[in-house]
Amino acid sequence: MIVWILFSVAILFFLALDLGVFNREAHVIKTKGAAIWTSIWVSLALGFSAVIWWLFENGQVANPTGLTPGDAVLKYITGYLIELSLSIDNVFVIAVIFSSFSIPKMYQHRVLFWGILGAIVFRALMIVFGVALINKFDWIVYVFGVFLIYTAYKMLKSDNTQFNPKNSWIFKRTRRFLPFTAFFYGDNFFIRRMGKLIATPLFMALLMVELTDVLFALDSIPAILAITADPFIVFSSNILAILGLRSMYFLISQMLDKFRFISYSLVGILTFVGLKMIFSHHIELPEWLSLIVIAGALASGILASVLMKPKMDHEVKEEELHESSSISK
């Protein structure tokens, strides 16, 4: 229990340091600063694997499955990479939300800060619930596996640019009981007018970020539970990946078009993890193989996005003209 408390206190300390010291005043996050903070969070998360080793080596955490320190570290890094890769897809949706509500860049960090704080609470509850289900019902892994494969299929067929948060059921229902203004009042989430509490676009964007994160957690939590049901590994890898989401957003949100093949990497990762869950009672894959597959899928999507240049408009038009002329002949 003391390990959980210390980890939670450390996370709260980093969050307080972030908003209370480094980002006290609203400002636009530059690409250079975002790259530095992304490197810091990733280094911190990977460095935490040494803590995982020490905890399991010295029996400081409950270890019902009898994991060796080496296995625990591999499961932690694999889980972290899964959460990190799925967080990249989350960036696409957050960018659409901010664009839909016309959130100024100088206020986007504040929305993400409180959004991620809420995400930590919701994911902690979902992790506890998911671990309890797997420990009590062995067959639940098949449900999670099928769900992940279905999610991969839907991701393959869908397009994030079609998502409009203002058309969502939640947004429309929220506006029925919560007055909403289209104007910004600094970095305030609410204002009071004639004794009534009125939400600003910042709060509506925050609400949509929270809700979409819950939806993403429905994929990511079962995905990491396919790697391990150890609650501390699941929680720590998940939370440390989320903490890097803010800086990652400001780093790659301006380069979304360049990462056009990342979605295929996520489809591959979710399919692999789903199949692993379905066959978990029959085939046991070594952790290093899972790590290689997941890291390879993510690296392949990034390399393909960088190396394969998108076709220019005139090239597309030339191909269309060539096809039409071929048909007419």
C-alpha atoms as a PDB file:
ATOM      1  CA  MET A   1       0.000   0.000   0.000  1.00  0.00           C
ATOM      2  CA  ILE A   2       2.862   2.372   0.797  1.00  0.00           C
ATOM      3  CA  VAL A   3       4.152   1.977  -2.783  1.00  0.00           C
ATOM      4  CA  TRP A   4       0.777   3.013  -4.203  1.00  0.00           C
ATOM      5  CA  ILE A   5       0.662   6.046  -1.910  1.00  0.00           C
ATOM      6  CA  LEU A   6       4.191   7.159  -2.795  1.00  0.00           C
ATOM      7  CA  PHE A   7       3.529   6.735  -6.514  1.00  0.00           C
ATOM      8  CA  SER A   8       0.275   8.721  -6.307  1.00  0.00           C
ATOM      9  CA  VAL A   9       1.956  11.493  -4.295  1.00  0.00           C
ATOM     10  CA  ALA A  10       4.759  11.688  -6.888  1.00  0.00           C
ATOM     11  CA  ILE A  11       2.232  12.010  -9.723  1.00  0.00           C
ATOM     12  CA  LEU A  12       0.346  14.775  -7.898  1.00  0.00           C
ATOM     13  CA  PHE A  13       3.648  16.542  -7.217  1.00  0.00           C
ATOM     14  CA  PHE A  14       4.575  16.505 -10.917  1.00  0.00           C
ATOM     15  CA  LEU A  15       1.133  17.811 -11.872  1.00  0.00           C
ATOM     16  CA  ALA A  16       1.311  20.605  -9.273  1.00  0.00           C
ATOM     17  CA  LEU A  17       4.805  21.501 -10.486  1.00  0.00           C
ATOM     18  CA  ASP A  18       3.554  21.592 -14.061  1.00  0.00           C
ATOM     19  CA  LEU A  19       0.585  23.908 -13.570  1.00  0.00           C
ATOM     20  CA  GLY A  20       1.788  25.838 -10.510  1.00  0.00           C
ATOM     21  CA  VAL A  21       5.372  26.562 -11.560  1.00  0.00           C
ATOM     22  CA  PHE A  22       6.208  25.911 -15.214  1.00  0.00           C
ATOM     23  CA  ASN A  23       2.832  26.832 -16.706  1.00  0.00           C
ATOM     24  CA  ARG A  24       1.284  29.185 -14.170  1.00  0.00           C
ATOM     25  CA  GLU A  25       0.550  31.813 -16.833  1.00  0.00           C
ATOM     26  CA  ALA A  26      -1.430  30.950 -19.954  1.00  0.00           C
ATOM     27  CA  HIS A  27       0.894  30.840 -22.963  1.00  0.00           C
ATOM     28  CA  VAL A  28       1.381  29.113 -26.278  1.00  0.00           C
ATOM     29  CA  ILE A  29       3.425  25.917 -26.006  1.00  0.00           C
ATOM     30  CA  LYS A  30       6.213  26.032 -28.585  1.00  0.00           C
ATOM     31  CA  THR A  31       7.333  22.956 -30.514  1.00  0.00           C
ATOM     32  CA  LYS A  32      10.809  23.080 -28.950  1.00  0.00           C
ATOM     33  CA  GLY A  33       9.403  23.170 -25.429  1.00  0.00           C
ATOM     34  CA  ALA A  34       6.964  20.378 -26.236  1.00  0.00           C
ATOM     35  CA  ALA A  35       9.816  18.249 -27.613  1.00  0.00           C
ATOM     36  CA  ILE A  36      11.853  18.792 -24.436  1.00  0.00           C
ATOM     37  CA  TRP A  37       8.970  17.890 -22.138  1.00  0.00           C
ATOM     38  CA  THR A  38       8.044  14.864 -24.261  1.00  0.00           C
ATOM     39  CA  SER A  39      11.621  13.637 -23.933  1.00  0.00           C
ATOM     40  CA  ILE A  40      11.503  14.222 -20.172  1.00  0.00           C
ATOM     41  CA  TRP A  41       8.248  12.289 -19.698  1.00  0.00           C
ATOM     42  CA  VAL A  42       9.347   9.392 -21.910  1.00  0.00           C
ATOM     43  CA  SER A  43      12.732   9.214 -20.141  1.00  0.00           C
ATOM     44  CA  LEU A  44      10.996   9.317 -16.769  1.00  0.00           C
ATOM     45  CA  ALA A  45       8.610   6.524 -17.784  1.00  0.00           C
ATOM     46  CA  LEU A  46      11.363   4.309 -19.161  1.00  0.00           C
ATOM     47  CA  GLY A  47      13.568   5.056 -16.146  1.00  0.00           C
ATOM     48  CA  PHE A  48      10.723   3.904 -13.921  1.00  0.00           C
ATOM     49  CA  SER A  49      11.394   0.384 -15.192  1.00  0.00           C
ATOM     50  CA  ALA A  50      14.358   0.359 -12.783  1.00  0.00           C
ATOM     51  CA  VAL A  51      11.921   1.071  -9.951  1.00  0.00           C
ATOM     52  CA  ILE A  52       9.721  -1.788 -11.163  1.00  0.00           C
ATOM     53  CA  TRP A  53      12.741  -4.102 -11.075  1.00  0.00           C
ATOM     54  CA  TRP A  54      13.636  -3.020  -7.522  1.00  0.00           C
ATOM     55  CA  LEU A  55      10.065  -3.367  -6.256  1.00  0.00           C
ATOM     56  CA  PHE A  56       9.674  -6.919  -7.568  1.00  0.00           C
ATOM     57  CA  GLU A  57      13.199  -7.905  -6.603  1.00  0.00           C
ATOM     58  CA  ASN A  58      12.624  -6.872  -2.983  1.00  0.00           C
ATOM     59  CA  GLY A  59       8.980  -7.937  -2.718  1.00  0.00           C
ATOM     60  CA  GLN A  60       7.685  -4.418  -2.131  1.00  0.00           C
ATOM     61  CA  VAL A  61       4.482  -4.993  -4.131  1.00  0.00           C
ATOM     62  CA  ALA A  62       1.966  -7.813  -4.209  1.00  0.00           C
ATOM     63  CA  ASN A  63       3.020 -10.406  -6.772  1.00  0.00           C
ATOM     64  CA  PRO A  64       0.249 -13.007  -6.987  1.00  0.00           C
ATOM     65  CA  THR A  65       1.415 -14.355 -10.369  1.00  0.00           C
ATOM     66  CA  GLY A  66       5.017 -14.801  -9.240  1.00  0.00           C
ATOM     67  CA  LEU A  67       6.611 -12.468 -11.792  1.00  0.00           C
ATOM     68  CA  THR A  68      10.373 -12.294 -11.851  1.00  0.00           C
ATOM     69  CA  PRO A  69      11.877  -8.765 -11.869  1.00  0.00           C
ATOM     70  CA  GLY A  70      12.858  -9.203 -15.522  1.00  0.00           C
ATOM     71  CA  ASP A  71       9.366 -10.307 -16.568  1.00  0.00           C
ATOM     72  CA  ALA A  72       7.840  -7.429 -14.609  1.00  0.00           C
ATOM     73  CA  VAL A  73      10.037  -4.908 -16.431  1.00  0.00           C
ATOM     74  CA  LEU A  74       9.195  -6.378 -19.843  1.00  0.00           C
ATOM     75  CA  LYS A  75       5.479  -6.291 -19.072  1.00  0.00           C
ATOM     76  CA  TYR A  76       5.757  -2.711 -17.828  1.00  0.00           C
ATOM     77  CA  ILE A  77       7.611  -1.475 -20.941  1.00  0.00           C
ATOM     78  CA  THR A  78       5.237  -3.377 -23.257  1.00  0.00           C
ATOM     79  CA  GLY A  79       2.214  -1.933 -21.483  1.00  0.00           C
ATOM     80  CA  TYR A  80       3.704   1.552 -21.603  1.00  0.00           C
ATOM     81  CA  LEU A  81       4.300   1.304 -25.360  1.00  0.00           C
ATOM     82  CA  ILE A  82       0.712   0.152 -25.895  1.00  0.00           C
ATOM     83  CA  GLU A  83      -0.658   3.095 -23.928  1.00  0.00           C
ATOM     84  CA  LEU A  84       1.733   5.518 -25.608  1.00  0.00           C
ATOM     85  CA  SER A  85       0.777   4.341 -29.100  1.00  0.00           C
ATOM     86  CA  LEU A  86      -2.947   4.539 -28.350  1.00  0.00           C
ATOM     87  CA  SER A  87      -2.401   8.016 -26.898  1.00  0.00           C
ATOM     88  CA  ILE A  88      -1.171   9.122 -30.316  1.00  0.00           C
ATOM     89  CA  ASP A  89      -4.595   8.333 -31.736  1.00  0.00           C
ATOM     90  CA  ASN A  90      -6.090  10.349 -28.894  1.00  0.00           C
ATOM     91  CA  VAL A  91      -4.116  13.374 -30.118  1.00  0.00           C
ATOM     92  CA  PHE A  92      -6.030  13.349 -33.403  1.00  0.00           C
ATOM     93  CA  VAL A  93      -9.384  13.549 -31.618  1.00  0.00           C
ATOM     94  CA  ILE A  94      -8.204  16.254 -29.186  1.00  0.00           C
ATOM     95  CA  ALA A  95      -7.074  18.347 -32.148  1.00  0.00           C
ATOM     96  CA  VAL A  96     -10.558  18.051 -33.684  1.00  0.00           C
ATOM     97  CA  ILE A  97     -12.179  19.066 -30.362  1.00  0.00           C
ATOM     98  CA  PHE A  98      -9.975  22.139 -29.984  1.00  0.00           C
ATOM     99  CA  SER A  99     -10.630  23.130 -33.584  1.00  0.00           C
ATOM    100  CA  SER A 100     -14.387  22.637 -33.238  1.00  0.00           C
ATOM    101  CA  PHE A 101     -14.589  24.889 -30.176  1.00  0.00           C
ATOM    102  CA  SER A 102     -11.958  27.315 -31.537  1.00  0.00           C
ATOM    103  CA  ILE A 103      -9.852  27.008 -28.383  1.00  0.00           C
ATOM    104  CA  PRO A 104      -6.935  29.496 -28.486  1.00  0.00           C
ATOM    105  CA  LYS A 105      -3.530  27.832 -28.308  1.00  0.00           C
ATOM    106  CA  MET A 106      -2.626  29.720 -25.146  1.00  0.00           C
ATOM    107  CA  TYR A 107      -5.485  28.013 -23.242  1.00  0.00           C
ATOM    108  CA  GLN A 108      -5.112  24.507 -24.643  1.00  0.00           C
ATOM    109  CA  HIS A 109      -2.579  23.418 -22.012  1.00  0.00           C
ATOM    110  CA  ARG A 110      -4.985  24.352 -19.203  1.00  0.00           C
ATOM    111  CA  VAL A 111      -7.757  22.243 -20.747  1.00  0.00           C
ATOM    112  CA  LEU A 112      -5.409  19.278 -21.209  1.00  0.00           C
ATOM    113  CA  PHE A 113      -4.075  19.582 -17.660  1.00  0.00           C
ATOM    114  CA  TRP A 114      -7.495  19.241 -16.032  1.00  0.00           C
ATOM    115  CA  GLY A 115      -8.555  16.721 -18.651  1.00  0.00           C
ATOM    116  CA  ILE A 116      -5.640  14.454 -17.809  1.00  0.00           C
ATOM    117  CA  LEU A 117      -6.192  14.908 -14.075  1.00  0.00           C
ATOM    118  CA  GLY A 118      -9.726  13.618 -14.530  1.00  0.00           C
ATOM    119  CA  ALA A 119      -8.467  10.845 -16.825  1.00  0.00           C
ATOM    120  CA  ILE A 120      -6.175   9.582 -14.049  1.00  0.00           C
ATOM    121  CA  VAL A 121      -9.130   9.188 -11.696  1.00  0.00           C
ATOM    122  CA  PHE A 122     -11.365   7.494 -14.270  1.00  0.00           C
ATOM    123  CA  ARG A 123      -8.644   5.135 -15.470  1.00  0.00           C
ATOM    124  CA  ALA A 124      -7.720   4.149 -11.928  1.00  0.00           C
ATOM    125  CA  LEU A 125     -11.324   3.079 -11.356  1.00  0.00           C
ATOM    126  CA  MET A 126     -11.462   1.218 -14.675  1.00  0.00           C
ATOM    127  CA  ILE A 127      -8.174  -0.578 -13.943  1.00  0.00           C
ATOM    128  CA  VAL A 128      -9.400  -1.748 -10.540  1.00  0.00           C
ATOM    129  CA  PHE A 129     -12.653  -2.910 -12.096  1.00  0.00           C
ATOM    130  CA  GLY A 130     -10.913  -4.618 -15.045  1.00  0.00           C
ATOM    131  CA  VAL A 131      -8.369  -6.444 -12.874  1.00  0.00           C
ATOM    132  CA  ALA A 132     -11.147  -7.617 -10.559  1.00  0.00           C
ATOM    133  CA  LEU A 133     -13.123  -8.972 -13.526  1.00  0.00           C
ATOM    134  CA  ILE A 134     -10.160 -10.884 -14.964  1.00  0.00           C
ATOM    135  CA  ASN A 135      -9.227 -12.350 -11.596  1.00  0.00           C
ATOM    136  CA  LYS A 136     -12.808 -13.474 -10.925  1.00  0.00           C
ATOM    137  CA  PHE A 137     -13.936 -14.520 -14.406  1.00  0.00           C
ATOM    138  CA  ASP A 138     -11.377 -16.198 -16.664  1.00  0.00           C
ATOM    139  CA  TRP A 139     -13.708 -16.034 -19.647  1.00  0.00           C
ATOM    140  CA  ILE A 140     -13.755 -12.213 -19.587  1.00  0.00           C
ATOM    141  CA  VAL A 141     -10.440 -12.214 -21.471  1.00  0.00           C
ATOM    142  CA  TYR A 142     -12.280 -13.588 -24.519  1.00  0.00           C
ATOM    143  CA  VAL A 143     -14.762 -10.708 -24.327  1.00  0.00           C
ATOM    144  CA  PHE A 144     -11.944  -8.174 -24.087  1.00  0.00           C
ATOM    145  CA  GLY A 145     -10.119  -9.850 -26.974  1.00  0.00           C
ATOM    146  CA  VAL A 146     -13.127  -9.787 -29.302  1.00  0.00           C
ATOM    147  CA  PHE A 147     -13.825  -6.180 -28.319  1.00  0.00           C
ATOM    148  CA  LEU A 148     -10.265  -5.118 -29.206  1.00  0.00           C
ATOM    149  CA  ILE A 149     -10.431  -6.832 -32.600  1.00  0.00           C
ATOM    150  CA  TYR A 150     -13.794  -5.176 -33.263  1.00  0.00           C
ATOM    151  CA  THR A 151     -12.278  -1.824 -32.263  1.00  0.00           C
ATOM    152  CA  ALA A 152      -9.392  -2.404 -34.679  1.00  0.00           C
ATOM    153  CA  TYR A 153     -11.889  -3.123 -37.456  1.00  0.00           C
ATOM    154  CA  LYS A 154     -13.874   0.041 -36.694  1.00  0.00           C
ATOM    155  CA  MET A 155     -10.654   2.068 -36.583  1.00  0.00           C
ATOM    156  CA  LEU A 156      -9.658   0.699 -39.976  1.00  0.00           C
ATOM    157  CA  LYS A 157     -12.990   1.723 -41.491  1.00  0.00           C
ATOM    158  CA  SER A 158     -13.384   5.084 -39.779  1.00  0.00           C
ATOM    159  CA  ASP A 159     -11.896   8.521 -40.306  1.00  0.00           C
ATOM    160  CA  ASN A 160     -11.188  10.773 -37.302  1.00  0.00           C
ATOM    161  CA  THR A 161     -11.739  13.899 -39.398  1.00  0.00           C
ATOM    162  CA  GLN A 162     -15.436  13.012 -39.618  1.00  0.00           C
ATOM    163  CA  PHE A 163     -15.822  13.389 -35.860  1.00  0.00           C
ATOM    164  CA  ASN A 164     -17.677  16.542 -34.788  1.00  0.00           C
ATOM    165  CA  PRO A 165     -17.975  16.891 -30.980  1.00  0.00           C
ATOM    166  CA  LYS A 166     -20.800  19.425 -31.283  1.00  0.00           C
ATOM    167  CA  ASN A 167     -22.964  16.768 -32.917  1.00  0.00           C
ATOM    168  CA  SER A 168     -22.381  14.253 -30.136  1.00  0.00           C
ATOM    169  CA  TRP A 169     -25.222  13.047 -27.930  1.00  0.00           C
ATOM    170  CA  ILE A 170     -23.434  14.115 -24.743  1.00  0.00           C
ATOM    171  CA  PHE A 171     -22.829  17.669 -25.942  1.00  0.00           C
ATOM    172  CA  LYS A 172     -26.442  18.157 -27.001  1.00  0.00           C
ATOM    173  CA  ARG A 173     -27.789  16.793 -23.694  1.00  0.00           C
ATOM    174  CA  THR A 174     -25.362  18.877 -21.639  1.00  0.00           C
ATOM    175  CA  ARG A 175     -26.542  22.085 -23.304  1.00  0.00           C
ATOM    176  CA  ARG A 176     -30.087  21.330 -22.165  1.00  0.00           C
ATOM    177  CA  PHE A 177     -29.310  21.801 -18.480  1.00  0.00           C
ATOM    178  CA  LEU A 178     -26.068  23.821 -18.581  1.00  0.00           C
ATOM    179  CA  PRO A 179     -26.122  27.276 -20.215  1.00  0.00           C
ATOM    180  CA  PHE A 180     -23.288  27.696 -22.670  1.00  0.00           C
ATOM    181  CA  THR A 181     -21.700  30.848 -24.082  1.00  0.00           C
ATOM    182  CA  ALA A 182     -19.715  30.968 -27.303  1.00  0.00           C
ATOM    183  CA  PHE A 183     -17.414  33.679 -25.918  1.00  0.00           C
ATOM    184  CA  PHE A 184     -14.161  33.249 -23.988  1.00  0.00           C
ATOM    185  CA  TYR A 185     -13.536  34.942 -20.650  1.00  0.00           C
ATOM    186  CA  GLY A 186      -9.820  34.452 -20.201  1.00  0.00           C
ATOM    187  CA  ASP A 187      -8.984  30.956 -18.968  1.00  0.00           C
ATOM    188  CA  ASN A 188     -12.214  30.578 -16.981  1.00  0.00           C
ATOM    189  CA  PHE A 189     -14.270  27.418 -17.347  1.00  0.00           C
ATOM    190  CA  PHE A 190     -17.375  29.105 -15.920  1.00  0.00           C
ATOM    191  CA  ILE A 191     -18.739  32.600 -15.496  1.00  0.00           C
ATOM    192  CA  ARG A 192     -21.700  33.840 -13.491  1.00  0.00           C
ATOM    193  CA  ARG A 193     -24.332  36.038 -15.129  1.00  0.00           C
ATOM    194  CA  MET A 194     -27.517  37.163 -13.329  1.00  0.00           C
ATOM    195  CA  GLY A 195     -26.978  34.504 -10.689  1.00  0.00           C
ATOM    196  CA  LYS A 196     -26.638  31.698 -13.252  1.00  0.00           C
ATOM    197  CA  LEU A 197     -23.560  29.585 -13.845  1.00  0.00           C
ATOM    198  CA  ILE A 198     -22.631  29.603 -17.518  1.00  0.00           C
ATOM    199  CA  ALA A 199     -20.065  27.327 -19.143  1.00  0.00           C
ATOM    200  CA  THR A 200     -17.463  28.756 -21.499  1.00  0.00           C
ATOM    201  CA  PRO A 201     -16.091  26.954 -24.570  1.00  0.00           C
ATOM    202  CA  LEU A 202     -13.104  25.903 -22.425  1.00  0.00           C
ATOM    203  CA  PHE A 203     -15.328  23.799 -20.184  1.00  0.00           C
ATOM    204  CA  MET A 204     -17.235  22.287 -23.086  1.00  0.00           C
ATOM    205  CA  ALA A 205     -13.927  21.315 -24.694  1.00  0.00           C
ATOM    206  CA  LEU A 206     -12.759  19.881 -21.352  1.00  0.00           C
ATOM    207  CA  LEU A 207     -15.957  17.848 -21.076  1.00  0.00           C
ATOM    208  CA  MET A 208     -15.473  16.378 -24.546  1.00  0.00           C
ATOM    209  CA  VAL A 209     -11.791  15.614 -23.859  1.00  0.00           C
ATOM    210  CA  GLU A 210     -12.769  13.753 -20.671  1.00  0.00           C
ATOM    211  CA  LEU A 211     -15.494  11.761 -22.389  1.00  0.00           C
ATOM    212  CA  THR A 212     -13.362  10.808 -25.372  1.00  0.00           C
ATOM    213  CA  ASP A 213     -10.581   9.697 -23.011  1.00  0.00           C
ATOM    214  CA  VAL A 214     -13.052   7.400 -21.273  1.00  0.00           C
ATOM    215  CA  LEU A 215     -13.900   5.917 -24.664  1.00  0.00           C
ATOM    216  CA  PHE A 216     -10.221   5.451 -25.465  1.00  0.00           C
ATOM    217  CA  ALA A 217      -9.714   3.846 -22.057  1.00  0.00           C
ATOM    218  CA  LEU A 218     -12.267   1.201 -23.042  1.00  0.00           C
ATOM    219  CA  ASP A 219      -9.684   0.107 -25.617  1.00  0.00           C
ATOM    220  CA  SER A 220      -6.430   0.783 -23.782  1.00  0.00           C
ATOM    221  CA  ILE A 221      -7.301  -0.812 -20.433  1.00  0.00           C
ATOM    222  CA  PRO A 222      -8.248  -4.217 -21.937  1.00  0.00           C
ATOM    223  CA  ALA A 223      -5.187  -3.944 -24.201  1.00  0.00           C
ATOM    224  CA  ILE A 224      -2.764  -3.638 -21.306  1.00  0.00           C
ATOM    225  CA  LEU A 225      -4.661  -6.258 -19.301  1.00  0.00           C
ATOM    226  CA  ALA A 226      -3.746  -8.656 -22.110  1.00  0.00           C
ATOM    227  CA  ILE A 227      -0.116  -8.119 -21.133  1.00  0.00           C
ATOM    228  CA  THR A 228      -0.507  -8.403 -17.375  1.00  0.00           C
ATOM    229  CA  ALA A 229      -3.183  -8.342 -14.684  1.00  0.00           C
ATOM    230  CA  ASP A 230      -0.746  -6.981 -12.090  1.00  0.00           C
ATOM    231  CA  PRO A 231      -2.559  -3.832 -10.909  1.00  0.00           C
ATOM    232  CA  PHE A 232       0.546  -1.758 -10.122  1.00  0.00           C
ATOM    233  CA  ILE A 233       2.173  -2.422 -13.505  1.00  0.00           C
ATOM    234  CA  VAL A 234      -1.093  -1.653 -15.295  1.00  0.00           C
ATOM    235  CA  PHE A 235      -1.678   1.544 -13.312  1.00  0.00           C
ATOM    236  CA  SER A 236       1.876   2.916 -13.431  1.00  0.00           C
ATOM    237  CA  SER A 237       2.412   2.281 -17.155  1.00  0.00           C
ATOM    238  CA  ASN A 238      -1.002   3.726 -17.982  1.00  0.00           C
ATOM    239  CA  ILE A 239      -0.641   6.881 -15.894  1.00  0.00           C
ATOM    240  CA  LEU A 240       2.921   7.629 -17.001  1.00  0.00           C
ATOM    241  CA  ALA A 241       1.805   7.356 -20.640  1.00  0.00           C
ATOM    242  CA  ILE A 242      -1.073   9.777 -19.960  1.00  0.00           C
ATOM    243  CA  LEU A 243       1.235  12.294 -18.281  1.00  0.00           C
ATOM    244  CA  GLY A 244       3.212  12.592 -21.501  1.00  0.00           C
ATOM    245  CA  LEU A 245       0.074  13.124 -23.577  1.00  0.00           C
ATOM    246  CA  ARG A 246      -0.011  16.925 -23.107  1.00  0.00           C
ATOM    247  CA  SER A 247       3.507  17.594 -24.379  1.00  0.00           C
ATOM    248  CA  MET A 248       3.034  14.958 -27.086  1.00  0.00           C
ATOM    249  CA  TYR A 249      -0.081  16.769 -28.280  1.00  0.00           C
ATOM    250  CA  PHE A 250       1.754  20.079 -28.718  1.00  0.00           C
ATOM    251  CA  LEU A 251       4.650  18.272 -30.379  1.00  0.00           C
ATOM    252  CA  ILE A 252       2.723  16.399 -33.079  1.00  0.00           C
ATOM    253  CA  SER A 253      -0.611  18.253 -33.360  1.00  0.00           C
ATOM    254  CA  GLN A 254       0.914  20.477 -36.029  1.00  0.00           C
ATOM    255  CA  MET A 255       2.223  17.456 -37.912  1.00  0.00           C
ATOM    256  CA  LEU A 256      -0.868  15.230 -37.980  1.00  0.00           C
ATOM    257  CA  ASP A 257      -0.794  14.902 -41.761  1.00  0.00           C
ATOM    258  CA  LYS A 258       2.758  13.542 -41.579  1.00  0.00           C
ATOM    259  CA  PHE A 259       1.644  10.658 -39.331  1.00  0.00           C
ATOM    260  CA  ARG A 260      -1.062   9.384 -41.679  1.00  0.00           C
ATOM    261  CA  PHE A 261       0.005   5.714 -41.330  1.00  0.00           C
ATOM    262  CA  ILE A 262      -0.026   5.648 -37.521  1.00  0.00           C
ATOM    263  CA  SER A 263      -3.648   4.515 -37.538  1.00  0.00           C
ATOM    264  CA  TYR A 264      -2.619   1.315 -39.342  1.00  0.00           C
ATOM    265  CA  SER A 265      -0.034   0.684 -36.623  1.00  0.00           C
ATOM    266  CA  LEU A 266      -2.766   1.013 -34.001  1.00  0.00           C
ATOM    267  CA  VAL A 267      -4.989  -1.387 -35.949  1.00  0.00           C
ATOM    268  CA  GLY A 268      -2.159  -3.912 -35.989  1.00  0.00           C
ATOM    269  CA  ILE A 269      -1.417  -3.465 -32.278  1.00  0.00           C
ATOM    270  CA  LEU A 270      -5.061  -3.826 -31.220  1.00  0.00           C
ATOM    271  CA  THR A 271      -5.514  -6.886 -33.456  1.00  0.00           C
ATOM    272  CA  PHE A 272      -2.386  -8.547 -32.072  1.00  0.00           C
ATOM    273  CA  VAL A 273      -3.357  -7.840 -28.468  1.00  0.00           C
ATOM    274  CA  GLY A 274      -6.935  -8.995 -29.088  1.00  0.00           C
ATOM    275  CA  LEU A 275      -5.746 -12.288 -30.581  1.00  0.00           C
ATOM    276  CA  LYS A 276      -3.312 -12.708 -27.708  1.00  0.00           C
ATOM    277  CA  MET A 277      -6.185 -12.402 -25.235  1.00  0.00           C
ATOM    278  CA  ILE A 278      -8.386 -14.845 -27.143  1.00  0.00           C
ATOM    279  CA  PHE A 279      -5.641 -17.500 -27.288  1.00  0.00           C
ATOM    280  CA  SER A 280      -4.111 -16.672 -23.890  1.00  0.00           C
ATOM    281  CA  HIS A 281      -5.330 -19.967 -22.363  1.00  0.00           C
ATOM    282  CA  HIS A 282      -3.855 -22.010 -25.223  1.00  0.00           C
ATOM    283  CA  ILE A 283      -0.748 -20.181 -26.460  1.00  0.00           C
ATOM    284  CA  GLU A 284       1.692 -18.355 -24.188  1.00  0.00           C
ATOM    285  CA  LEU A 285       3.850 -15.848 -26.036  1.00  0.00           C
ATOM    286  CA  PRO A 286       7.094 -14.672 -24.431  1.00  0.00           C
ATOM    287  CA  GLU A 287       7.025 -11.061 -23.275  1.00  0.00           C
ATOM    288  CA  TRP A 288       9.986 -10.092 -25.445  1.00  0.00           C
ATOM    289  CA  LEU A 289       8.045 -11.201 -28.546  1.00  0.00           C
ATOM    290  CA  SER A 290       5.036  -9.055 -27.607  1.00  0.00           C
ATOM    291  CA  LEU A 291       7.360  -6.114 -27.021  1.00  0.00           C
ATOM    292  CA  ILE A 292       9.017  -6.582 -30.426  1.00  0.00           C
ATOM    293  CA  VAL A 293       5.677  -6.859 -32.254  1.00  0.00           C
ATOM    294  CA  ILE A 294       4.208  -3.749 -30.610  1.00  0.00           C
ATOM    295  CA  ALA A 295       7.366  -1.644 -30.942  1.00  0.00           C
ATOM    296  CA  GLY A 296       7.801  -2.843 -34.539  1.00  0.00           C
ATOM    297  CA  ALA A 297       4.224  -1.933 -35.483  1.00  0.00           C
ATOM    298  CA  LEU A 298       4.583   1.547 -34.000  1.00  0.00           C
ATOM    299  CA  ALA A 299       7.985   2.132 -35.623  1.00  0.00           C
ATOM    300  CA  SER A 300       6.700   0.889 -38.994  1.00  0.00           C
ATOM    301  CA  GLY A 301       3.820   3.374 -38.957  1.00  0.00           C
ATOM    302  CA  ILE A 302       6.143   6.253 -38.083  1.00  0.00           C
ATOM    303  CA  LEU A 303       8.754   5.302 -40.703  1.00  0.00           C
ATOM    304  CA  ALA A 304       6.112   4.806 -43.395  1.00  0.00           C
ATOM    305  CA  SER A 305       4.615   8.214 -42.580  1.00  0.00           C
ATOM    306  CA  VAL A 306       8.017   9.889 -42.822  1.00  0.00           C
ATOM    307  CA  LEU A 307       9.404   8.062 -45.863  1.00  0.00           C
ATOM    308  CA  MET A 308       6.283   7.762 -48.016  1.00  0.00           C
ATOM    309  CA  LYS A 309       5.368  11.235 -49.194  1.00  0.00           C
ATOM    310  CA  PRO A 310       1.675  11.984 -49.845  1.00  0.00           C
ATOM    311  CA  LYS A 311       0.669  12.549 -53.439  1.00  0.00           C
ATOM    312  CA  MET A 312       0.291  16.143 -54.533  1.00  0.00           C
ATOM    313  CA  ASP A 313      -3.059  17.383 -55.812  1.00  0.00           C
ATOM    314  CA  HIS A 314      -1.812  17.599 -59.417  1.00  0.00           C
ATOM    315  CA  GLU A 315      -0.584  13.977 -59.261  1.00  0.00           C
ATOM    316  CA  VAL A 316      -3.982  12.815 -58.055  1.00  0.00           C
ATOM    317  CA  LYS A 317      -5.717  14.753 -60.833  1.00  0.00           C
ATOM    318  CA  GLU A 318      -3.371  13.288 -63.447  1.00  0.00           C
ATOM    319  CA  GLU A 319      -4.161   9.758 -62.222  1.00  0.00           C
ATOM    320  CA  GLU A 320      -7.897  10.470 -62.344  1.00  0.00           C
ATOM    321  CA  LEU A 321      -7.606  11.837 -65.888  1.00  0.00           C
ATOM    322  CA  HIS A 322      -5.570   8.796 -66.921  1.00  0.00           C
ATOM    323  CA  GLU A 323      -8.148   6.419 -65.449  1.00  0.00           C
ATOM    324  CA  SER A 324     -11.049   8.235 -67.075  1.00  0.00           C
ATOM    325  CA  SER A 325      -9.335   8.205 -70.458  1.00  0.00           C
ATOM    326  CA  SER A 326      -8.612   4.487 -70.090  1.00  0.00           C
ATOM    327  CA  ILE A 327     -12.291   3.802 -69.333  1.00  0.00           C
ATOM    328  CA  SER A 328     -13.457   5.838 -72.327  1.00  0.00           C
ATOM    329  CA  LYS A 329     -11.179   3.837 -74.611  1.00  0.00           C
END
